[in-house]
Protein backbone atom coordinates (compact mmCIF):
# COMPACT_ATOMS: atom_id res chain seq x y z
CA UNK A 1 0.00 0.00 0.00
CA UNK A 2 1.12 3.55 -0.63
CA UNK A 3 -0.02 7.12 -0.25
CA UNK A 4 1.26 8.08 -3.72
CA UNK A 5 0.75 6.35 -7.06
CA UNK A 6 1.24 7.40 -10.68
CA UNK A 7 -2.14 8.34 -12.08
CA UNK A 8 -3.76 8.99 -8.70
CA UNK A 9 -3.48 12.26 -6.77
CA UNK A 10 -4.51 11.21 -3.28
CA UNK A 11 -4.37 14.72 -1.82
CA UNK A 12 -6.81 15.98 -4.46
CA UNK A 13 -9.03 12.92 -4.01
CA UNK A 14 -9.04 13.43 -0.23
CA UNK A 15 -10.20 17.01 -0.64
CA UNK A 16 -12.92 15.90 -3.05
CA UNK A 17 -14.23 13.18 -0.73
CA UNK A 18 -14.45 15.64 2.14
CA UNK A 19 -16.10 18.28 -0.08
CA UNK A 20 -18.87 15.89 -1.18
CA UNK A 21 -19.46 14.59 2.33
CA UNK A 22 -17.93 11.13 2.15
CA UNK A 23 -17.04 10.13 5.76
CA UNK A 24 -13.27 9.93 6.25
CA UNK A 25 -11.12 8.47 9.02
CA UNK A 26 -7.35 8.74 8.98
CA UNK A 27 -4.86 9.02 6.14
CA UNK A 28 -5.94 8.01 2.65
CA UNK A 29 -3.94 5.19 0.99
CA UNK A 30 -4.13 3.37 -2.32
CA UNK A 31 -2.75 0.46 -4.30
CA UNK A 32 -3.02 -0.46 -7.97
CA UNK A 33 -5.27 -3.46 -8.53
CA UNK A 34 -3.76 -5.87 -11.04
CA UNK A 35 -5.71 -7.27 -13.96
CA UNK A 36 -6.89 -4.17 -15.80
CA UNK A 37 -5.68 -3.68 -19.39
CA UNK A 38 -7.73 -0.62 -20.15
CA UNK A 39 -8.82 1.69 -17.36
CA UNK A 40 -6.55 1.91 -14.32
CA UNK A 41 -8.15 0.46 -11.18
CA UNK A 42 -7.09 1.36 -7.65
CA UNK A 43 -8.08 0.13 -4.22
CA UNK A 44 -8.40 3.22 -2.02
CA UNK A 45 -9.01 3.29 1.72
CA UNK A 46 -8.64 4.92 5.12
CA UNK A 47 -8.94 3.58 8.65
CA UNK A 48 -12.63 2.74 8.27
CA UNK A 49 -13.58 2.35 4.60
CA UNK A 50 -12.42 0.92 1.29
CA UNK A 51 -13.39 1.96 -2.20
CA UNK A 52 -12.47 1.05 -5.77
CA UNK A 53 -11.53 3.92 -8.09
CA UNK A 54 -11.24 3.65 -11.86
CA UNK A 55 -9.76 6.21 -14.23
CA UNK A 56 -8.64 6.20 -17.91
CA UNK A 57 -5.16 4.96 -18.87
CA UNK A 58 -2.28 7.41 -18.79
CA UNK A 59 -1.73 7.36 -22.57
CA UNK A 60 -3.20 5.89 -25.72
CA UNK A 61 -6.83 6.86 -25.20
CA UNK A 62 -9.30 6.07 -27.97
CA UNK A 63 -12.61 7.81 -28.69
CA UNK A 64 -15.78 6.43 -27.03
CA UNK A 65 -13.78 4.37 -24.53
CA UNK A 66 -12.93 5.14 -20.90
CA UNK A 67 -16.16 7.08 -20.22
CA UNK A 68 -16.34 7.39 -16.43
CA UNK A 69 -19.80 8.92 -16.38
CA UNK A 70 -21.35 6.02 -18.27
CA UNK A 71 -19.75 3.44 -16.01
CA UNK A 72 -20.86 5.26 -12.88
CA UNK A 73 -24.37 5.92 -14.14
CA UNK A 74 -25.17 2.32 -14.99
CA UNK A 75 -23.83 1.02 -11.66
CA UNK A 76 -25.94 3.55 -9.76
CA UNK A 77 -29.03 2.72 -11.81
CA UNK A 78 -28.76 -1.04 -11.27
CA UNK A 79 -28.48 -0.78 -7.48
CA UNK A 80 -32.00 -2.07 -6.76
CA UNK A 81 -32.25 -4.68 -9.52
CA UNK A 82 -31.40 -8.42 -9.54
CA UNK A 83 -28.03 -7.49 -11.07
CA UNK A 84 -25.40 -7.34 -8.28
CA UNK A 85 -23.25 -4.19 -8.36
CA UNK A 86 -21.04 -2.26 -5.96
CA UNK A 87 -22.64 0.83 -4.41
CA UNK A 88 -21.82 3.98 -6.37
CA UNK A 89 -19.96 6.60 -4.27
CA UNK A 90 -18.74 9.53 -6.40
CA UNK A 91 -17.44 10.46 -9.84
CA UNK A 92 -16.08 13.29 -11.93
CA UNK A 93 -16.11 13.16 -15.72
CA UNK A 94 -13.56 15.94 -16.07
CA UNK A 95 -10.00 16.56 -14.85
CA UNK A 96 -10.94 18.81 -11.93
CA UNK A 97 -9.85 16.23 -9.32
CA UNK A 98 -6.31 15.02 -9.80
CA UNK A 99 -6.11 15.75 -13.50
CA UNK A 100 -8.28 12.92 -14.85
CA UNK A 101 -11.90 11.74 -14.86
CA UNK A 102 -12.69 8.97 -12.38
CA UNK A 103 -15.51 7.03 -10.79
CA UNK A 104 -15.51 5.36 -7.39
CA UNK A 105 -17.65 2.63 -5.86
CA UNK A 106 -17.70 0.78 -2.57
CA UNK A 107 -15.20 -2.05 -2.24
CA UNK A 108 -16.89 -5.45 -2.33
CA UNK A 109 -14.78 -8.11 -0.60
CA UNK A 110 -14.78 -11.30 -2.61
CA UNK A 111 -12.96 -13.38 -5.19
CA UNK A 112 -11.96 -12.34 -8.71
CA UNK A 113 -11.14 -15.39 -10.87
CA UNK A 114 -8.70 -14.15 -13.50
CA UNK A 115 -6.48 -17.10 -14.33
CA UNK A 116 -6.85 -20.80 -15.02
CA UNK A 117 -5.30 -21.75 -11.68
CA UNK A 118 -7.81 -19.49 -9.89
CA UNK A 119 -10.58 -21.36 -11.68
CA UNK A 120 -9.13 -24.74 -10.79
CA UNK A 121 -9.01 -23.68 -7.14
CA UNK A 122 -12.78 -23.21 -7.12
CA UNK A 123 -13.29 -26.96 -7.03
CA UNK A 124 -14.40 -29.78 -9.31
CA UNK A 125 -16.11 -29.47 -12.70
CA UNK A 126 -19.54 -29.58 -11.06
CA UNK A 127 -18.65 -26.56 -8.93
CA UNK A 128 -17.29 -24.71 -11.94
CA UNK A 129 -20.40 -25.56 -13.93
CA UNK A 130 -22.58 -24.18 -11.13
CA UNK A 131 -20.49 -21.01 -11.10
CA UNK A 132 -20.95 -20.63 -14.87
CA UNK A 133 -24.72 -21.08 -14.51
CA UNK A 134 -24.78 -18.32 -11.88
CA UNK A 135 -22.75 -15.99 -14.09
CA UNK A 136 -24.99 -16.59 -17.09
CA UNK A 137 -28.12 -16.04 -15.00
CA UNK A 138 -26.75 -12.64 -13.97
CA UNK A 139 -26.19 -11.75 -17.62
CA UNK A 140 -29.73 -12.88 -18.44
CA UNK A 141 -31.03 -10.83 -15.49
CA UNK A 142 -29.21 -7.77 -16.83
CA UNK A 143 -30.79 -8.21 -20.24
CA UNK A 144 -34.21 -8.51 -18.58
CA UNK A 145 -33.95 -5.12 -16.82
CA UNK A 146 -36.26 -2.51 -18.34
CA UNK A 147 -33.94 0.43 -19.14
CA UNK A 148 -36.75 2.94 -18.74
CA UNK A 149 -37.67 1.60 -15.31
CA UNK A 150 -34.18 2.29 -13.94
CA UNK A 151 -33.64 5.65 -15.63
CA UNK A 152 -31.51 4.33 -18.49
CA UNK A 153 -33.95 4.81 -21.33
CA UNK A 154 -31.56 7.34 -22.87
CA UNK A 155 -28.39 5.36 -22.09
CA UNK A 156 -27.94 4.66 -25.80
CA UNK A 157 -29.86 4.66 -29.04
CA UNK A 158 -32.47 1.87 -28.94
CA UNK A 159 -31.97 0.85 -32.57
CA UNK A 160 -29.08 0.57 -35.00
CA UNK A 161 -26.74 -0.99 -32.42
CA UNK A 162 -25.20 -3.58 -34.74
CA UNK A 163 -24.55 -1.06 -37.50
CA UNK A 164 -22.87 1.27 -35.01
CA UNK A 165 -20.77 -1.55 -33.56
CA UNK A 166 -19.46 -2.59 -36.96
CA UNK A 167 -18.71 1.01 -37.89
CA UNK A 168 -17.18 1.99 -34.54
CA UNK A 169 -14.88 -1.00 -34.15
CA UNK A 170 -13.75 -0.61 -37.73
CA UNK A 171 -12.81 3.00 -37.07
CA UNK A 172 -11.00 1.98 -33.86
CA UNK A 173 -8.69 -0.18 -35.96
CA UNK A 174 -7.45 2.86 -37.86
CA UNK A 175 -6.47 4.45 -34.54
CA UNK A 176 -4.57 1.53 -33.00
CA UNK A 177 -3.04 -0.46 -35.86
CA UNK A 178 0.71 -0.53 -36.45
CA UNK A 179 2.30 1.27 -39.38
CA UNK A 180 2.16 -1.15 -42.34
CA UNK A 181 0.23 -3.54 -40.11
CA UNK A 182 0.44 -7.11 -41.46
CA UNK A 183 -3.15 -7.81 -40.45
CA UNK A 184 -4.72 -4.76 -42.10
CA UNK A 185 -6.08 -6.69 -45.07
CA UNK A 186 -7.62 -9.34 -42.79
CA UNK A 187 -9.31 -6.69 -40.68
CA UNK A 188 -10.75 -4.91 -43.70
CA UNK A 189 -11.97 -8.20 -45.19
CA UNK A 190 -13.94 -9.14 -42.07
CA UNK A 191 -15.15 -5.58 -41.55
CA UNK A 192 -16.55 -5.50 -45.07
CA UNK A 193 -18.17 -8.91 -44.67
CA UNK A 194 -19.81 -7.87 -41.38
CA UNK A 195 -21.12 -4.64 -42.90
CA UNK A 196 -22.84 -6.66 -45.64
CA UNK A 197 -24.34 -9.23 -43.26
CA UNK A 198 -25.88 -7.10 -40.49
CA UNK A 199 -29.20 -8.67 -39.40
CA UNK A 200 -32.15 -6.96 -37.78
CA UNK A 201 -31.52 -6.26 -34.09
CA UNK A 202 -33.01 -9.04 -31.93
CA UNK A 203 -34.31 -6.58 -29.32
CA UNK A 204 -32.95 -3.78 -27.11
CA UNK A 205 -31.59 -4.18 -23.59
CA UNK A 206 -28.83 -2.91 -21.34
CA UNK A 207 -25.63 -4.68 -22.42
CA UNK A 208 -22.45 -5.00 -20.39
CA UNK A 209 -20.12 -5.19 -23.39
CA UNK A 210 -17.29 -7.15 -21.72
CA UNK A 211 -18.86 -9.97 -19.72
CA UNK A 212 -16.81 -12.89 -18.43
CA UNK A 213 -15.81 -14.35 -15.07
CA UNK A 214 -12.91 -11.97 -14.34
CA UNK A 215 -15.23 -8.97 -14.63
CA UNK A 216 -17.25 -10.21 -11.68
CA UNK A 217 -16.72 -10.65 -7.95
CA UNK A 218 -17.65 -14.06 -6.51
CA UNK A 219 -18.36 -15.09 -2.94
CA UNK A 220 -15.20 -16.56 -1.42
CA UNK A 221 -17.11 -19.43 0.18
CA UNK A 222 -19.67 -20.06 -2.57
CA UNK A 223 -18.55 -19.72 -6.18
CA UNK A 224 -22.16 -19.98 -7.37
CA UNK A 225 -22.93 -16.59 -5.78
CA UNK A 226 -22.03 -13.49 -7.81
CA UNK A 227 -21.50 -10.51 -5.48
CA UNK A 228 -20.88 -7.81 -8.08
CA UNK A 229 -20.47 -7.27 -11.81
CA UNK A 230 -17.47 -5.07 -12.54
CA UNK A 231 -15.97 -3.03 -15.40
CA UNK A 232 -18.99 -1.37 -17.03
CA UNK A 233 -17.04 0.96 -19.33
CA UNK A 234 -18.49 -0.62 -22.50
CA UNK A 235 -22.09 -0.73 -21.30
CA UNK A 236 -24.88 0.83 -23.34
CA UNK A 237 -28.28 -0.01 -24.81
CA UNK A 238 -27.81 -2.67 -27.44
CA UNK A 239 -28.51 -6.15 -28.67
CA UNK A 240 -28.34 -8.75 -25.87
CA UNK A 241 -27.33 -11.54 -28.25
CA UNK A 242 -24.20 -9.55 -29.06
CA UNK A 243 -23.35 -9.52 -25.34
CA UNK A 244 -23.85 -13.29 -25.09
CA UNK A 245 -21.80 -13.97 -28.22
CA UNK A 246 -18.88 -11.90 -26.99
CA UNK A 247 -18.93 -13.93 -23.77
CA UNK A 248 -18.65 -17.06 -25.91
CA UNK A 249 -15.83 -15.64 -28.06
CA UNK A 250 -13.80 -15.08 -24.90
CA UNK A 251 -13.93 -18.85 -24.37
CA UNK A 252 -11.73 -19.39 -27.46
CA UNK A 253 -8.12 -20.44 -26.67
CA UNK A 254 -6.88 -17.44 -28.69
CA UNK A 255 -7.97 -15.25 -25.80
CA UNK A 256 -4.94 -16.61 -23.93
CA UNK A 257 -2.73 -14.57 -26.28
CA UNK A 258 -4.42 -11.44 -24.94
CA UNK A 259 -4.93 -12.57 -21.35
CA UNK A 260 -2.33 -15.21 -20.48
CA UNK A 261 -3.78 -18.30 -18.81
CA UNK A 262 -7.26 -16.80 -18.84
CA UNK A 263 -9.83 -18.45 -16.58
CA UNK A 264 -12.64 -18.01 -19.11
CA UNK A 265 -10.59 -19.69 -21.88
CA UNK A 266 -9.54 -22.59 -19.64
CA UNK A 267 -10.39 -26.16 -20.75
CA UNK A 268 -12.18 -26.46 -17.40
CA UNK A 269 -14.83 -24.09 -18.72
CA UNK A 270 -17.79 -25.36 -20.76
CA UNK A 271 -17.31 -25.02 -24.52
CA UNK A 272 -18.65 -21.95 -26.29
CA UNK A 273 -21.65 -23.80 -27.74
CA UNK A 274 -22.56 -24.97 -24.24
CA UNK A 275 -22.30 -21.42 -22.91
CA UNK A 276 -24.57 -20.21 -25.71
CA UNK A 277 -27.16 -22.88 -24.95
CA UNK A 278 -27.11 -22.08 -21.24
CA UNK A 279 -27.65 -18.40 -22.01
CA UNK A 280 -30.49 -19.18 -24.41
CA UNK A 281 -32.26 -21.19 -21.68
CA UNK A 282 -31.60 -18.70 -18.87
CA UNK A 283 -32.69 -15.69 -20.94
CA UNK A 284 -35.50 -17.53 -22.76
CA UNK A 285 -33.91 -16.06 -25.88
CA UNK A 286 -33.54 -17.74 -29.27
CA UNK A 287 -30.15 -17.18 -30.86
CA UNK A 288 -31.01 -16.30 -34.43
CA UNK A 289 -28.17 -15.10 -36.71
CA UNK A 290 -25.71 -16.50 -34.15
CA UNK A 291 -22.86 -16.82 -36.67
CA UNK A 292 -23.00 -13.07 -37.36
CA UNK A 293 -22.91 -12.25 -33.65
CA UNK A 294 -19.93 -14.56 -33.11
CA UNK A 295 -18.08 -13.03 -36.08
CA UNK A 296 -18.72 -9.56 -34.66
CA UNK A 297 -17.40 -10.77 -31.30
CA UNK A 298 -14.18 -12.05 -32.87
CA UNK A 299 -13.79 -8.74 -34.68
CA UNK A 300 -14.23 -6.75 -31.46
CA UNK A 301 -11.81 -8.88 -29.43
CA UNK A 302 -9.20 -8.55 -32.17
CA UNK A 303 -9.47 -4.76 -32.12
CA UNK A 304 -9.29 -4.82 -28.32
CA UNK A 305 -6.02 -6.78 -28.63
CA UNK A 306 -4.67 -4.18 -31.04
CA UNK A 307 -5.70 -1.43 -28.64
CA UNK A 308 -3.89 -3.06 -25.72
CA UNK A 309 -0.71 -3.38 -27.77
CA UNK A 310 -1.09 0.23 -28.91
CA UNK A 311 -1.38 1.51 -25.34
CA UNK A 312 1.64 -0.59 -24.37
CA UNK A 313 3.66 1.05 -27.16
CA UNK A 314 2.44 4.47 -26.00
CA UNK A 315 3.32 3.76 -22.35
CA UNK A 316 -0.33 3.80 -21.30
CA UNK A 317 -0.04 1.99 -17.98
CA UNK A 318 -1.36 -1.37 -19.17
CA UNK A 319 0.02 -4.67 -17.91
CA UNK A 320 3.61 -5.62 -18.70
CA UNK A 321 4.51 -7.68 -21.79
CA UNK A 322 1.40 -6.67 -23.73
CA UNK A 323 3.01 -4.91 -26.69
CA UNK A 324 2.73 -8.09 -28.78
CA UNK A 325 -0.81 -9.21 -27.92
CA UNK A 326 -1.95 -7.92 -31.32
CA UNK A 327 -0.43 -11.08 -32.78
CA UNK A 328 -3.88 -12.51 -32.05
CA UNK A 329 -5.50 -10.11 -34.55
CA UNK A 330 -4.95 -12.23 -37.69
CA UNK A 331 -6.13 -15.54 -36.17
CA UNK A 332 -9.17 -13.86 -34.61
CA UNK A 333 -10.11 -12.31 -37.95
CA UNK A 334 -9.84 -15.78 -39.52
CA UNK A 335 -12.20 -17.16 -36.86
CA UNK A 336 -14.65 -14.38 -37.59
CA UNK A 337 -14.60 -15.06 -41.33
CA UNK A 338 -15.06 -18.77 -40.67
CA UNK A 339 -18.09 -18.04 -38.52
CA UNK A 340 -19.70 -15.92 -41.24
CA UNK A 341 -19.03 -18.57 -43.88
CA UNK A 342 -20.64 -21.46 -42.02
């Protein structure tokens, strides 16, 4: 623990907490929480309380990402729904406190399962299967929340989500690719194919945009109990099948190139088709045009990989040894094209 960290001005944060009436006791301290490859995440505390603070990376920001207000708003709105979230505490979507936007929630003590050995430690395959069922039920519960009922009716445009996703992730590539990138032709091939194959949106719901086990907090004593869903920076109104498909794409072994020894890509996890079926049952949702949604998921994960490598090259405070994770881009694009051509 420390009272000074790069990217976090504790003196400015302390003044802000006192100004907005957050009870304080003793000196403020902080530590960087490992695991994040986009926004920086800190555990902050004093003698009585603990909070989790998230802020954008130090360098290599891309448009439409790292929006602190969106992340904070959705967490606050979901507080009294079946979707478990940490209690929202405070946020600023400008640089008036410490030079960067941030949002802060209550610390939820629990277990984050990031790596394959963390998953193995949960128990046998039956225990892991029960954990997966609980995670998928939470995703289905999220997609069942009426956005208007929780004040999120204007959280995004209710239609045109798939078109915007294809367009936005394609434009992100132009921002993060390498000079003379060897995968540029593959990216443009899949992007063009997706643009020509966009189906009608299945329906509109709140979507998380990055759902998998390591973006949740589990009960230490009962892995089938989800205490909180984390990392809402990609949330919006959109197509719930897209959310489910992205969850299934993360199950592919290629995700280990981006997130070494990933829990969600572990062989101990159910296969992607099994995950899809479990979601379909839990959400009472048919999975029409599934191949398109999976192809879009592969496309998005590939661009995420390129973005991580880009921020690493820019010195953006992402995890060490990530400047080469964009080697997954070509294989992921191939998987996306294969999905569309089934």
